[in-house]
Amino acid sequence: MEYNPEAKTQEELEEQLEYAESIMVNTIAETMDFYGVTPSVGRLYGTLYFQHHPMTLDEMKDKLGMSKPSMSTSVRKLQDINIVQKVWRKGSRKDLFMAEKDYFQYFKQFFCKKWEREAEMFLTSINESQKELAKVLEDPNLEEDLKETAQLDYEQLEAARKYYHWMERLVDFIESDEIYEHLPKELDEEDQNKK
């Protein structure tokens, strides 16, 4: 075997691998933070994403330096949005967890759940607010300037209702995978050449 001064030791290569993974773990944590997931929960997802075998809570705790109760809460949050699943392994008594690695599935689980919740909250509030505005508009003592404001508010909420119904349809479009018929997962050859 020929001496290569550029060759790295296994330890150096392991450090380089860990550094490469840490770049992405930090990016995953930052981007999840954009959508209301705490950085520590995002780092946990990123860490699980780069594990190629299921992990126990103790292994996660040791890897991330978090307390076990905090780790348990974070895992539960990730399970709630279906991007971490509990897995079974014969002979193991401890709970094991694995991250969703398919980013298309991740997108569907993470964003659709948030959009569904947002649409539901807004549509409920729009209905409640419009009922109150309708009562105001029906009052015979209503002065013209207040009537105009209430009417504008009502119309604005009607426009918002259209948006949230559209969002519900978008979620259905994504969850049914119909979106991929119109926006394929991969660019065709012609589109790739444009890039």
N, C-alpha and C. Protein backbone atom coordinates (compact mmCIF):
# COMPACT_ATOMS: atom_id res chain seq x y z
N MET A 1 0.84 -1.18 0.00
CA MET A 1 0.00 0.00 0.00
C MET A 1 0.88 1.25 0.00
N GLU A 2 0.57 2.14 -0.88
CA GLU A 2 1.37 3.35 -1.04
C GLU A 2 0.97 4.40 -0.01
N TYR A 3 1.94 5.13 0.51
CA TYR A 3 1.67 6.19 1.48
C TYR A 3 1.00 7.37 0.78
N ASN A 4 -0.07 7.84 1.37
CA ASN A 4 -0.78 9.00 0.82
C ASN A 4 -0.90 10.04 1.93
N PRO A 5 -0.15 11.16 1.81
CA PRO A 5 -0.18 12.17 2.88
C PRO A 5 -1.56 12.81 3.04
N GLU A 6 -2.41 12.70 1.99
CA GLU A 6 -3.76 13.26 2.05
C GLU A 6 -4.73 12.34 2.79
N ALA A 7 -4.37 11.07 2.93
CA ALA A 7 -5.27 10.09 3.55
C ALA A 7 -5.54 10.47 5.00
N LYS A 8 -6.78 10.27 5.41
CA LYS A 8 -7.18 10.62 6.77
C LYS A 8 -7.35 9.36 7.59
N THR A 9 -7.19 9.52 8.89
CA THR A 9 -7.42 8.39 9.79
C THR A 9 -8.93 8.13 9.88
N GLN A 10 -9.29 6.95 10.36
CA GLN A 10 -10.71 6.62 10.54
C GLN A 10 -11.37 7.62 11.49
N GLU A 11 -10.63 8.05 12.51
CA GLU A 11 -11.17 9.01 13.46
C GLU A 11 -11.46 10.35 12.77
N GLU A 12 -10.55 10.79 11.92
CA GLU A 12 -10.76 12.04 11.19
C GLU A 12 -11.95 11.92 10.23
N LEU A 13 -12.06 10.77 9.58
CA LEU A 13 -13.18 10.54 8.66
C LEU A 13 -14.51 10.50 9.42
N GLU A 14 -14.48 9.90 10.60
CA GLU A 14 -15.70 9.86 11.42
C GLU A 14 -16.11 11.26 11.84
N GLU A 15 -15.13 12.09 12.21
CA GLU A 15 -15.41 13.48 12.59
C GLU A 15 -15.98 14.25 11.39
N GLN A 16 -15.44 14.00 10.21
CA GLN A 16 -15.91 14.67 9.00
C GLN A 16 -17.36 14.25 8.69
N LEU A 17 -17.64 12.97 8.86
CA LEU A 17 -19.00 12.45 8.66
C LEU A 17 -19.96 13.11 9.65
N GLU A 18 -19.57 13.17 10.92
CA GLU A 18 -20.41 13.79 11.94
C GLU A 18 -20.63 15.27 11.65
N TYR A 19 -19.59 15.94 11.15
CA TYR A 19 -19.73 17.35 10.80
C TYR A 19 -20.72 17.53 9.65
N ALA A 20 -20.62 16.67 8.63
CA ALA A 20 -21.55 16.74 7.49
C ALA A 20 -22.99 16.54 7.97
N GLU A 21 -23.20 15.58 8.85
CA GLU A 21 -24.54 15.34 9.39
C GLU A 21 -25.01 16.52 10.24
N SER A 22 -24.09 17.09 11.04
CA SER A 22 -24.48 18.21 11.91
C SER A 22 -24.91 19.43 11.11
N ILE A 23 -24.34 19.63 9.93
CA ILE A 23 -24.77 20.75 9.08
C ILE A 23 -26.26 20.60 8.78
N MET A 24 -26.66 19.40 8.40
CA MET A 24 -28.06 19.15 8.05
C MET A 24 -28.96 19.13 9.27
N VAL A 25 -28.50 18.56 10.38
CA VAL A 25 -29.32 18.54 11.60
C VAL A 25 -29.65 19.97 12.01
N ASN A 26 -28.66 20.86 11.98
CA ASN A 26 -28.90 22.26 12.33
C ASN A 26 -29.86 22.94 11.36
N THR A 27 -29.73 22.63 10.07
CA THR A 27 -30.63 23.21 9.08
C THR A 27 -32.05 22.70 9.27
N ILE A 28 -32.20 21.41 9.54
CA ILE A 28 -33.52 20.84 9.81
C ILE A 28 -34.14 21.54 11.02
N ALA A 29 -33.36 21.71 12.08
CA ALA A 29 -33.86 22.36 13.30
C ALA A 29 -34.28 23.80 13.00
N GLU A 30 -33.48 24.53 12.23
CA GLU A 30 -33.81 25.92 11.90
C GLU A 30 -35.07 26.01 11.06
N THR A 31 -35.19 25.15 10.05
CA THR A 31 -36.37 25.23 9.18
C THR A 31 -37.62 24.80 9.92
N MET A 32 -37.52 23.82 10.81
CA MET A 32 -38.70 23.42 11.58
C MET A 32 -39.12 24.55 12.52
N ASP A 33 -38.14 25.33 12.99
CA ASP A 33 -38.42 26.47 13.85
C ASP A 33 -39.28 27.50 13.11
N PHE A 34 -39.09 27.64 11.78
CA PHE A 34 -39.92 28.55 10.99
C PHE A 34 -41.40 28.20 11.15
N TYR A 35 -41.69 26.92 11.38
CA TYR A 35 -43.07 26.45 11.41
C TYR A 35 -43.54 26.11 12.83
N GLY A 36 -42.88 26.69 13.83
CA GLY A 36 -43.37 26.56 15.19
C GLY A 36 -42.90 25.35 15.97
N VAL A 37 -41.91 24.64 15.46
CA VAL A 37 -41.35 23.51 16.18
C VAL A 37 -40.06 23.99 16.83
N THR A 38 -39.93 23.77 18.13
CA THR A 38 -38.75 24.29 18.84
C THR A 38 -37.47 23.70 18.25
N PRO A 39 -36.37 24.45 18.32
CA PRO A 39 -35.10 23.94 17.78
C PRO A 39 -34.68 22.60 18.39
N SER A 40 -34.94 22.40 19.68
CA SER A 40 -34.53 21.13 20.30
C SER A 40 -35.31 19.96 19.70
N VAL A 41 -36.60 20.15 19.44
CA VAL A 41 -37.41 19.10 18.81
C VAL A 41 -36.93 18.90 17.37
N GLY A 42 -36.60 20.00 16.69
CA GLY A 42 -36.07 19.90 15.33
C GLY A 42 -34.75 19.16 15.28
N ARG A 43 -33.87 19.43 16.26
CA ARG A 43 -32.58 18.72 16.31
C ARG A 43 -32.80 17.23 16.57
N LEU A 44 -33.79 16.92 17.40
CA LEU A 44 -34.09 15.51 17.65
C LEU A 44 -34.52 14.83 16.35
N TYR A 45 -35.43 15.47 15.60
CA TYR A 45 -35.85 14.88 14.33
C TYR A 45 -34.64 14.71 13.40
N GLY A 46 -33.81 15.75 13.30
CA GLY A 46 -32.63 15.68 12.44
C GLY A 46 -31.68 14.57 12.86
N THR A 47 -31.51 14.40 14.15
CA THR A 47 -30.64 13.34 14.67
C THR A 47 -31.22 11.97 14.30
N LEU A 48 -32.53 11.80 14.51
CA LEU A 48 -33.17 10.52 14.17
C LEU A 48 -33.12 10.27 12.66
N TYR A 49 -33.21 11.34 11.89
CA TYR A 49 -33.17 11.21 10.43
C TYR A 49 -31.86 10.56 9.97
N PHE A 50 -30.76 10.90 10.63
CA PHE A 50 -29.46 10.35 10.24
C PHE A 50 -29.09 9.05 10.95
N GLN A 51 -30.00 8.53 11.74
CA GLN A 51 -29.77 7.22 12.35
C GLN A 51 -30.34 6.16 11.42
N HIS A 52 -29.59 5.15 11.15
CA HIS A 52 -30.03 4.13 10.21
C HIS A 52 -30.53 2.88 10.92
N HIS A 53 -30.87 3.09 12.19
CA HIS A 53 -31.47 2.05 13.00
C HIS A 53 -32.35 2.74 14.04
N PRO A 54 -33.37 2.07 14.56
CA PRO A 54 -34.21 2.70 15.58
C PRO A 54 -33.41 3.03 16.84
N MET A 55 -33.83 4.06 17.55
CA MET A 55 -33.15 4.48 18.77
C MET A 55 -34.10 4.44 19.96
N THR A 56 -33.55 4.17 21.14
CA THR A 56 -34.32 4.24 22.38
C THR A 56 -34.25 5.67 22.92
N LEU A 57 -35.10 5.99 23.87
CA LEU A 57 -35.06 7.31 24.51
C LEU A 57 -33.71 7.54 25.18
N ASP A 58 -33.15 6.48 25.81
CA ASP A 58 -31.84 6.62 26.46
C ASP A 58 -30.75 6.96 25.44
N GLU A 59 -30.78 6.30 24.28
CA GLU A 59 -29.78 6.60 23.24
C GLU A 59 -29.92 8.04 22.75
N MET A 60 -31.16 8.48 22.57
CA MET A 60 -31.40 9.86 22.13
C MET A 60 -30.92 10.84 23.19
N LYS A 61 -31.23 10.54 24.44
CA LYS A 61 -30.83 11.40 25.57
C LYS A 61 -29.32 11.56 25.58
N ASP A 62 -28.60 10.44 25.44
CA ASP A 62 -27.14 10.49 25.45
C ASP A 62 -26.59 11.25 24.25
N LYS A 63 -27.19 11.05 23.10
CA LYS A 63 -26.70 11.70 21.86
C LYS A 63 -26.92 13.21 21.90
N LEU A 64 -28.07 13.64 22.46
CA LEU A 64 -28.41 15.06 22.43
C LEU A 64 -28.17 15.79 23.75
N GLY A 65 -27.90 15.04 24.81
CA GLY A 65 -27.64 15.68 26.10
C GLY A 65 -28.87 16.33 26.70
N MET A 66 -30.05 15.77 26.43
CA MET A 66 -31.29 16.28 27.00
C MET A 66 -31.75 15.35 28.12
N SER A 67 -32.62 15.85 28.97
CA SER A 67 -33.16 14.99 30.03
C SER A 67 -34.14 13.99 29.42
N LYS A 68 -34.36 12.88 30.12
CA LYS A 68 -35.27 11.85 29.60
C LYS A 68 -36.71 12.37 29.50
N PRO A 69 -37.23 13.11 30.50
CA PRO A 69 -38.60 13.64 30.36
C PRO A 69 -38.72 14.61 29.17
N SER A 70 -37.71 15.46 28.98
CA SER A 70 -37.70 16.39 27.85
C SER A 70 -37.65 15.62 26.53
N MET A 71 -36.85 14.58 26.50
CA MET A 71 -36.72 13.74 25.31
C MET A 71 -38.05 13.06 25.00
N SER A 72 -38.69 12.55 26.02
CA SER A 72 -39.98 11.87 25.86
C SER A 72 -41.04 12.82 25.30
N THR A 73 -41.08 14.04 25.83
CA THR A 73 -42.02 15.06 25.35
C THR A 73 -41.74 15.40 23.89
N SER A 74 -40.47 15.56 23.54
CA SER A 74 -40.09 15.89 22.17
C SER A 74 -40.47 14.79 21.20
N VAL A 75 -40.23 13.54 21.59
CA VAL A 75 -40.60 12.41 20.74
C VAL A 75 -42.10 12.39 20.52
N ARG A 76 -42.85 12.65 21.60
CA ARG A 76 -44.32 12.66 21.49
C ARG A 76 -44.79 13.73 20.51
N LYS A 77 -44.15 14.90 20.54
CA LYS A 77 -44.51 15.98 19.59
C LYS A 77 -44.26 15.53 18.16
N LEU A 78 -43.14 14.86 17.93
CA LEU A 78 -42.83 14.37 16.59
C LEU A 78 -43.78 13.25 16.16
N GLN A 79 -44.21 12.44 17.13
CA GLN A 79 -45.19 11.39 16.83
C GLN A 79 -46.55 12.02 16.49
N ASP A 80 -46.89 13.10 17.18
CA ASP A 80 -48.18 13.76 16.93
C ASP A 80 -48.30 14.26 15.49
N ILE A 81 -47.18 14.64 14.90
CA ILE A 81 -47.23 15.09 13.50
C ILE A 81 -46.78 13.98 12.55
N ASN A 82 -46.70 12.77 13.07
CA ASN A 82 -46.43 11.56 12.27
C ASN A 82 -45.12 11.59 11.49
N ILE A 83 -44.09 12.22 12.07
CA ILE A 83 -42.80 12.16 11.37
C ILE A 83 -41.77 11.34 12.16
N VAL A 84 -42.22 10.81 13.29
CA VAL A 84 -41.44 9.81 14.04
C VAL A 84 -42.42 8.72 14.46
N GLN A 85 -42.02 7.48 14.24
CA GLN A 85 -42.87 6.35 14.60
C GLN A 85 -42.18 5.45 15.60
N LYS A 86 -43.01 4.85 16.44
CA LYS A 86 -42.50 3.82 17.36
C LYS A 86 -42.41 2.54 16.53
N VAL A 87 -41.29 1.84 16.67
CA VAL A 87 -41.11 0.59 15.93
C VAL A 87 -40.87 -0.55 16.91
N TRP A 88 -41.16 -1.75 16.47
CA TRP A 88 -41.02 -2.93 17.31
C TRP A 88 -39.81 -3.73 16.85
N ARG A 89 -39.04 -4.22 17.81
CA ARG A 89 -37.93 -5.10 17.49
C ARG A 89 -37.99 -6.29 18.43
N LYS A 90 -37.98 -7.47 17.86
CA LYS A 90 -38.07 -8.70 18.62
C LYS A 90 -36.99 -8.73 19.70
N GLY A 91 -37.40 -9.05 20.90
CA GLY A 91 -36.45 -9.18 22.01
C GLY A 91 -36.16 -7.90 22.75
N SER A 92 -36.61 -6.76 22.25
CA SER A 92 -36.35 -5.49 22.93
C SER A 92 -37.55 -5.09 23.78
N ARG A 93 -37.28 -4.74 25.03
CA ARG A 93 -38.35 -4.30 25.92
C ARG A 93 -38.51 -2.78 25.90
N LYS A 94 -37.52 -2.09 25.39
CA LYS A 94 -37.57 -0.63 25.37
C LYS A 94 -38.27 -0.16 24.10
N ASP A 95 -38.91 1.02 24.21
CA ASP A 95 -39.53 1.62 23.03
C ASP A 95 -38.42 2.10 22.09
N LEU A 96 -38.62 1.84 20.82
CA LEU A 96 -37.67 2.26 19.79
C LEU A 96 -38.38 3.20 18.83
N PHE A 97 -37.63 4.18 18.33
CA PHE A 97 -38.23 5.19 17.46
C PHE A 97 -37.39 5.39 16.22
N MET A 98 -38.08 5.71 15.14
CA MET A 98 -37.43 5.91 13.84
C MET A 98 -38.08 7.13 13.17
N ALA A 99 -37.25 7.95 12.52
CA ALA A 99 -37.75 9.14 11.82
C ALA A 99 -38.28 8.77 10.44
N GLU A 100 -39.26 9.54 9.98
CA GLU A 100 -39.72 9.43 8.59
C GLU A 100 -38.60 9.95 7.70
N LYS A 101 -38.19 9.15 6.74
CA LYS A 101 -37.06 9.55 5.90
C LYS A 101 -37.48 9.99 4.51
N ASP A 102 -38.71 9.72 4.14
CA ASP A 102 -39.23 10.13 2.84
C ASP A 102 -39.73 11.57 2.98
N TYR A 103 -39.02 12.51 2.38
CA TYR A 103 -39.38 13.91 2.54
C TYR A 103 -40.73 14.25 1.94
N PHE A 104 -41.19 13.52 0.94
CA PHE A 104 -42.52 13.77 0.40
C PHE A 104 -43.58 13.39 1.44
N GLN A 105 -43.36 12.28 2.13
CA GLN A 105 -44.27 11.85 3.19
C GLN A 105 -44.16 12.82 4.37
N TYR A 106 -42.94 13.24 4.69
CA TYR A 106 -42.71 14.22 5.75
C TYR A 106 -43.50 15.49 5.45
N PHE A 107 -43.39 15.99 4.21
CA PHE A 107 -44.10 17.20 3.80
C PHE A 107 -45.60 17.03 4.02
N LYS A 108 -46.11 15.88 3.58
CA LYS A 108 -47.54 15.61 3.69
C LYS A 108 -47.96 15.60 5.17
N GLN A 109 -47.20 14.91 6.01
CA GLN A 109 -47.56 14.80 7.42
C GLN A 109 -47.41 16.14 8.16
N PHE A 110 -46.29 16.79 7.95
CA PHE A 110 -45.96 17.99 8.71
C PHE A 110 -46.83 19.17 8.30
N PHE A 111 -46.82 19.50 7.03
CA PHE A 111 -47.52 20.71 6.58
C PHE A 111 -49.02 20.52 6.52
N CYS A 112 -49.47 19.39 6.00
CA CYS A 112 -50.92 19.19 5.88
C CYS A 112 -51.60 19.23 7.24
N LYS A 113 -50.97 18.65 8.23
CA LYS A 113 -51.56 18.66 9.58
C LYS A 113 -51.68 20.11 10.09
N LYS A 114 -50.63 20.91 9.87
CA LYS A 114 -50.66 22.30 10.31
C LYS A 114 -51.70 23.10 9.53
N TRP A 115 -51.75 22.90 8.21
CA TRP A 115 -52.72 23.62 7.39
C TRP A 115 -54.15 23.24 7.75
N GLU A 116 -54.39 21.95 8.00
CA GLU A 116 -55.74 21.51 8.40
C GLU A 116 -56.15 22.20 9.69
N ARG A 117 -55.23 22.24 10.63
CA ARG A 117 -55.53 22.86 11.93
C ARG A 117 -55.79 24.36 11.76
N GLU A 118 -54.96 25.02 10.95
CA GLU A 118 -55.14 26.46 10.71
C GLU A 118 -56.50 26.72 10.06
N ALA A 119 -56.83 25.95 9.02
CA ALA A 119 -58.11 26.14 8.31
C ALA A 119 -59.28 25.94 9.27
N GLU A 120 -59.22 24.89 10.07
CA GLU A 120 -60.30 24.61 11.02
C GLU A 120 -60.48 25.75 12.01
N MET A 121 -59.36 26.24 12.56
CA MET A 121 -59.43 27.33 13.53
C MET A 121 -60.01 28.59 12.90
N PHE A 122 -59.52 28.94 11.71
CA PHE A 122 -59.98 30.17 11.06
C PHE A 122 -61.45 30.06 10.64
N LEU A 123 -61.84 28.94 10.08
CA LEU A 123 -63.24 28.80 9.65
C LEU A 123 -64.19 28.85 10.83
N THR A 124 -63.80 28.27 11.95
CA THR A 124 -64.62 28.36 13.17
C THR A 124 -64.74 29.81 13.62
N SER A 125 -63.61 30.52 13.63
CA SER A 125 -63.61 31.92 14.07
C SER A 125 -64.37 32.81 13.08
N ILE A 126 -64.22 32.55 11.79
CA ILE A 126 -64.94 33.34 10.79
C ILE A 126 -66.45 33.18 11.00
N ASN A 127 -66.90 31.95 11.21
CA ASN A 127 -68.33 31.71 11.44
C ASN A 127 -68.83 32.48 12.66
N GLU A 128 -68.07 32.40 13.73
CA GLU A 128 -68.45 33.08 14.98
C GLU A 128 -68.47 34.59 14.80
N SER A 129 -67.42 35.12 14.16
CA SER A 129 -67.31 36.55 13.95
C SER A 129 -68.42 37.06 13.04
N GLN A 130 -68.71 36.32 11.96
CA GLN A 130 -69.76 36.76 11.04
C GLN A 130 -71.14 36.74 11.70
N LYS A 131 -71.37 35.80 12.61
CA LYS A 131 -72.65 35.79 13.35
C LYS A 131 -72.81 37.08 14.15
N GLU A 132 -71.70 37.47 14.81
CA GLU A 132 -71.73 38.71 15.60
C GLU A 132 -71.92 39.92 14.69
N LEU A 133 -71.22 39.93 13.55
CA LEU A 133 -71.35 41.05 12.62
C LEU A 133 -72.77 41.12 12.05
N ALA A 134 -73.38 39.98 11.78
CA ALA A 134 -74.76 39.95 11.27
C ALA A 134 -75.71 40.57 12.29
N LYS A 135 -75.49 40.29 13.57
CA LYS A 135 -76.33 40.88 14.62
C LYS A 135 -76.18 42.41 14.63
N VAL A 136 -74.93 42.86 14.48
CA VAL A 136 -74.67 44.30 14.44
C VAL A 136 -75.40 44.91 13.24
N LEU A 137 -75.26 44.27 12.08
CA LEU A 137 -75.87 44.80 10.86
C LEU A 137 -77.39 44.82 10.90
N GLU A 138 -77.99 43.92 11.68
CA GLU A 138 -79.45 43.85 11.78
C GLU A 138 -80.03 44.84 12.79
N ASP A 139 -79.20 45.45 13.59
CA ASP A 139 -79.70 46.35 14.63
C ASP A 139 -80.26 47.63 13.98
N PRO A 140 -81.51 47.98 14.30
CA PRO A 140 -82.13 49.16 13.68
C PRO A 140 -81.49 50.49 14.11
N ASN A 141 -80.75 50.48 15.22
CA ASN A 141 -80.13 51.72 15.70
C ASN A 141 -78.72 51.94 15.14
N LEU A 142 -78.29 51.07 14.25
CA LEU A 142 -76.91 51.13 13.72
C LEU A 142 -76.71 52.38 12.87
N GLU A 143 -75.68 53.14 13.22
CA GLU A 143 -75.35 54.35 12.45
C GLU A 143 -74.61 53.95 11.18
N GLU A 144 -74.65 54.81 10.20
CA GLU A 144 -74.13 54.51 8.85
C GLU A 144 -72.64 54.18 8.84
N ASP A 145 -71.82 54.93 9.58
CA ASP A 145 -70.37 54.67 9.55
C ASP A 145 -70.04 53.30 10.16
N LEU A 146 -70.74 52.93 11.25
CA LEU A 146 -70.53 51.61 11.86
C LEU A 146 -71.04 50.51 10.93
N LYS A 147 -72.15 50.78 10.25
CA LYS A 147 -72.71 49.81 9.32
C LYS A 147 -71.71 49.52 8.20
N GLU A 148 -71.09 50.59 7.70
CA GLU A 148 -70.11 50.44 6.61
C GLU A 148 -68.91 49.60 7.07
N THR A 149 -68.42 49.87 8.28
CA THR A 149 -67.29 49.11 8.83
C THR A 149 -67.67 47.65 9.01
N ALA A 150 -68.83 47.40 9.61
CA ALA A 150 -69.28 46.02 9.85
C ALA A 150 -69.45 45.27 8.53
N GLN A 151 -69.99 45.97 7.51
CA GLN A 151 -70.19 45.33 6.20
C GLN A 151 -68.85 45.00 5.56
N LEU A 152 -67.89 45.91 5.64
CA LEU A 152 -66.55 45.66 5.10
C LEU A 152 -65.88 44.49 5.82
N ASP A 153 -66.01 44.47 7.14
CA ASP A 153 -65.45 43.35 7.93
C ASP A 153 -66.06 42.03 7.47
N TYR A 154 -67.38 42.02 7.32
CA TYR A 154 -68.08 40.79 6.92
C TYR A 154 -67.57 40.31 5.56
N GLU A 155 -67.41 41.25 4.61
CA GLU A 155 -66.95 40.90 3.26
C GLU A 155 -65.50 40.41 3.27
N GLN A 156 -64.66 41.03 4.10
CA GLN A 156 -63.28 40.57 4.22
C GLN A 156 -63.22 39.14 4.73
N LEU A 157 -64.07 38.85 5.71
CA LEU A 157 -64.10 37.49 6.26
C LEU A 157 -64.62 36.50 5.23
N GLU A 158 -65.51 36.94 4.37
CA GLU A 158 -66.01 36.05 3.32
C GLU A 158 -64.88 35.71 2.34
N ALA A 159 -64.02 36.68 2.05
CA ALA A 159 -62.86 36.43 1.19
C ALA A 159 -61.89 35.47 1.88
N ALA A 160 -61.71 35.65 3.20
CA ALA A 160 -60.84 34.75 3.96
C ALA A 160 -61.41 33.33 3.96
N ARG A 161 -62.74 33.21 4.05
CA ARG A 161 -63.39 31.90 4.03
C ARG A 161 -63.05 31.16 2.73
N LYS A 162 -63.09 31.88 1.61
CA LYS A 162 -62.75 31.27 0.31
C LYS A 162 -61.32 30.72 0.36
N TYR A 163 -60.40 31.51 0.93
CA TYR A 163 -59.00 31.07 1.03
C TYR A 163 -58.90 29.79 1.86
N TYR A 164 -59.56 29.75 3.01
CA TYR A 164 -59.42 28.57 3.88
C TYR A 164 -60.12 27.34 3.31
N HIS A 165 -61.18 27.54 2.54
CA HIS A 165 -61.78 26.39 1.83
C HIS A 165 -60.82 25.90 0.74
N TRP A 166 -60.14 26.85 0.08
CA TRP A 166 -59.11 26.48 -0.91
C TRP A 166 -57.99 25.70 -0.22
N MET A 167 -57.56 26.16 0.96
CA MET A 167 -56.51 25.47 1.69
C MET A 167 -56.93 24.04 2.03
N GLU A 168 -58.18 23.85 2.43
CA GLU A 168 -58.68 22.50 2.71
C GLU A 168 -58.60 21.62 1.45
N ARG A 169 -58.94 22.19 0.31
CA ARG A 169 -58.86 21.43 -0.95
C ARG A 169 -57.40 21.12 -1.29
N LEU A 170 -56.50 22.07 -1.02
CA LEU A 170 -55.08 21.85 -1.26
C LEU A 170 -54.58 20.68 -0.42
N VAL A 171 -54.97 20.64 0.84
CA VAL A 171 -54.58 19.54 1.72
C VAL A 171 -55.08 18.21 1.16
N ASP A 172 -56.35 18.18 0.73
CA ASP A 172 -56.90 16.96 0.13
C ASP A 172 -56.11 16.56 -1.11
N PHE A 173 -55.75 17.53 -1.91
CA PHE A 173 -54.99 17.33 -3.15
C PHE A 173 -53.63 16.70 -2.85
N ILE A 174 -52.99 17.16 -1.78
CA ILE A 174 -51.68 16.63 -1.39
C ILE A 174 -51.84 15.25 -0.74
N GLU A 175 -52.78 15.14 0.20
CA GLU A 175 -52.94 13.88 0.92
C GLU A 175 -53.37 12.73 0.02
N SER A 176 -54.07 13.03 -1.07
CA SER A 176 -54.50 11.98 -2.01
C SER A 176 -53.40 11.63 -3.01
N ASP A 177 -52.28 12.35 -2.98
CA ASP A 177 -51.15 12.20 -3.90
C ASP A 177 -51.50 12.66 -5.32
N GLU A 178 -52.66 13.25 -5.50
CA GLU A 178 -53.05 13.77 -6.82
C GLU A 178 -52.10 14.88 -7.26
N ILE A 179 -51.51 15.58 -6.32
CA ILE A 179 -50.60 16.67 -6.65
C ILE A 179 -49.47 16.20 -7.57
N TYR A 180 -49.04 14.93 -7.39
CA TYR A 180 -47.91 14.44 -8.17
C TYR A 180 -48.25 14.23 -9.64
N GLU A 181 -49.55 14.20 -9.95
CA GLU A 181 -49.96 14.12 -11.36
C GLU A 181 -49.71 15.46 -12.05
N HIS A 182 -49.78 16.54 -11.29
CA HIS A 182 -49.62 17.89 -11.83
C HIS A 182 -48.24 18.48 -11.56
N LEU A 183 -47.65 18.02 -10.49
CA LEU A 183 -46.32 18.49 -10.08
C LEU A 183 -45.51 17.27 -9.69
N PRO A 184 -44.93 16.58 -10.70
CA PRO A 184 -44.22 15.32 -10.42
C PRO A 184 -43.08 15.50 -9.41
N LYS A 185 -42.78 14.42 -8.72
CA LYS A 185 -41.70 14.45 -7.73
C LYS A 185 -40.35 14.76 -8.36
N GLU A 186 -40.18 14.31 -9.58
CA GLU A 186 -38.91 14.57 -10.27
C GLU A 186 -39.18 15.33 -11.55
N LEU A 187 -38.23 16.21 -11.90
CA LEU A 187 -38.34 16.94 -13.15
C LEU A 187 -38.13 15.99 -14.33
N ASP A 188 -38.88 16.23 -15.40
CA ASP A 188 -38.59 15.42 -16.59
C ASP A 188 -37.32 15.97 -17.24
N GLU A 189 -36.81 15.26 -18.22
CA GLU A 189 -35.52 15.58 -18.81
C GLU A 189 -35.47 17.01 -19.37
N GLU A 190 -36.56 17.43 -20.01
CA GLU A 190 -36.61 18.76 -20.60
C GLU A 190 -36.49 19.84 -19.54
N ASP A 191 -37.24 19.67 -18.40
CA ASP A 191 -37.17 20.64 -17.32
C ASP A 191 -35.79 20.64 -16.65
N GLN A 192 -35.16 19.47 -16.53
CA GLN A 192 -33.83 19.40 -15.93
C GLN A 192 -32.82 20.16 -16.75
N ASN A 193 -32.96 20.12 -18.06
CA ASN A 193 -32.04 20.84 -18.95
C ASN A 193 -32.17 22.35 -18.83
N LYS A 194 -33.32 22.83 -18.39
CA LYS A 194 -33.55 24.27 -18.20
C LYS A 194 -32.83 24.79 -16.98
N LYS A 195 -32.52 23.93 -16.04
CA LYS A 195 -31.91 24.33 -14.76
C LYS A 195 -30.45 24.65 -14.91
